Amino acid sequence: MPSSHGYRVRTRQLLKKRYGARSGPRPDIYLKEYRPGDKVLIVADPAVQKGMPHKRFYGKIGTVISKRGNAYEVSVMLGDKLKKLTILADHIRPWEGG
């Protein structure tokens, strides 16, 4: 039988919440506003499937370009290419790095 090659293939550990954390998104996620130029960390929330980025962008740091409706346009370097993603606020966090 052929193996599946779907959008979430091989994400059993990557898109898994820890035991006891099977709740939806926290309300403070939607109160945070990002401005163009802010650095964000892309961490997909498996409880929200809508607006989820592909697994290859998990853990990457991007720059907010603009706001598009409820989502944000984020630019991410992937190898030597610049990618533009449209991601909901559920799947990004502010980056507190140097």
Protein backbone atom coordinates (compact mmCIF):
# COMPACT_ATOMS: atom_id res chain seq x y z
CA MET A 1 0.00 0.00 0.00
CA PRO A 2 1.49 3.39 -0.93
CA SER A 3 2.30 5.78 1.88
CA SER A 4 0.52 9.10 2.16
CA HIS A 5 2.28 12.34 1.25
CA GLY A 6 -0.29 14.82 2.54
CA TYR A 7 0.15 18.31 3.93
CA ARG A 8 0.76 17.08 7.50
CA VAL A 9 2.75 13.95 6.74
CA ARG A 10 5.39 13.03 9.40
CA THR A 11 4.20 15.58 11.96
CA ARG A 12 3.21 13.25 14.80
CA GLN A 13 5.74 14.75 17.24
CA LEU A 14 5.97 18.20 15.64
CA LEU A 15 2.26 19.07 15.80
CA LYS A 16 1.46 17.50 19.13
CA LYS A 17 0.44 19.28 22.32
CA ARG A 18 1.79 17.97 25.58
CA TYR A 19 -0.42 15.83 27.80
CA GLY A 20 -3.09 17.84 29.60
CA ALA A 21 -2.85 20.82 27.24
CA ARG A 22 -5.66 19.86 24.92
CA SER A 23 -7.40 23.19 25.02
CA GLY A 24 -7.95 25.78 22.34
CA PRO A 25 -5.91 28.94 21.88
CA ARG A 26 -5.50 31.44 24.70
CA PRO A 27 -7.47 34.70 24.34
CA ASP A 28 -4.40 36.91 24.79
CA ILE A 29 -3.08 35.69 21.42
CA TYR A 30 -5.71 37.75 19.64
CA LEU A 31 -5.03 40.89 21.70
CA LYS A 32 -1.36 41.10 20.64
CA GLU A 33 -0.77 43.42 17.69
CA TYR A 34 2.29 43.09 15.47
CA ARG A 35 3.68 46.00 13.48
CA PRO A 36 5.56 45.81 10.19
CA GLY A 37 9.19 45.06 10.94
CA ASP A 38 8.52 43.02 14.10
CA LYS A 39 10.37 39.70 14.35
CA VAL A 40 8.13 36.71 15.06
CA LEU A 41 8.69 33.03 15.77
CA ILE A 42 6.58 30.65 13.71
CA VAL A 43 5.21 27.89 15.95
CA ALA A 44 2.08 26.19 14.62
CA ASP A 45 -0.71 25.56 17.13
CA PRO A 46 -2.20 22.15 16.28
CA ALA A 47 -5.52 23.04 17.95
CA VAL A 48 -6.19 25.58 15.15
CA GLN A 49 -5.92 24.17 11.63
CA LYS A 50 -6.97 27.32 9.80
CA GLY A 51 -4.12 29.60 8.73
CA MET A 52 -1.46 27.08 9.73
CA PRO A 53 1.89 27.33 7.94
CA HIS A 54 3.58 24.30 6.43
CA LYS A 55 5.74 22.17 8.72
CA ARG A 56 8.93 23.29 6.95
CA PHE A 57 8.49 26.76 8.47
CA TYR A 58 8.09 25.47 12.06
CA GLY A 59 10.59 27.18 14.37
CA LYS A 60 11.71 29.75 11.80
CA ILE A 61 12.01 33.45 12.55
CA GLY A 62 10.30 35.84 10.18
CA THR A 63 9.57 39.52 9.77
CA VAL A 64 6.03 40.91 9.71
CA ILE A 65 5.36 42.71 6.41
CA SER A 66 1.75 43.75 6.89
CA LYS A 67 -1.60 42.80 8.36
CA ARG A 68 -4.10 41.17 6.04
CA GLY A 69 -7.52 40.85 7.63
CA ASN A 70 -7.07 38.74 10.77
CA ALA A 71 -3.80 37.30 9.48
CA TYR A 72 -0.28 38.62 9.09
CA GLU A 73 2.00 38.55 6.08
CA VAL A 74 5.38 37.26 7.21
CA SER A 75 8.59 37.00 5.20
CA VAL A 76 10.89 34.08 5.98
CA MET A 77 14.27 33.08 4.58
CA LEU A 78 14.24 29.44 3.51
CA GLY A 79 17.70 28.54 2.30
CA ASP A 80 18.60 31.35 -0.07
CA LYS A 81 15.02 32.24 -1.01
CA LEU A 82 12.67 34.75 0.60
CA LYS A 83 9.20 33.33 1.16
CA LYS A 84 6.04 35.30 1.96
CA LEU A 85 3.50 33.53 4.18
CA THR A 86 0.03 34.48 5.33
CA ILE A 87 -0.31 33.22 8.89
CA LEU A 88 -2.99 33.66 11.54
CA ALA A 89 -1.95 35.10 14.91
CA ASP A 90 -2.47 31.67 16.53
CA HIS A 91 0.70 30.38 14.89
CA ILE A 92 3.14 33.21 15.60
CA ARG A 93 4.77 34.53 18.77
CA PRO A 94 6.90 37.60 19.38
CA TRP A 95 10.61 36.79 19.14
CA GLU A 96 12.62 37.88 22.17
CA GLY A 97 16.05 37.10 20.73
CA GLY A 98 19.05 39.27 20.02
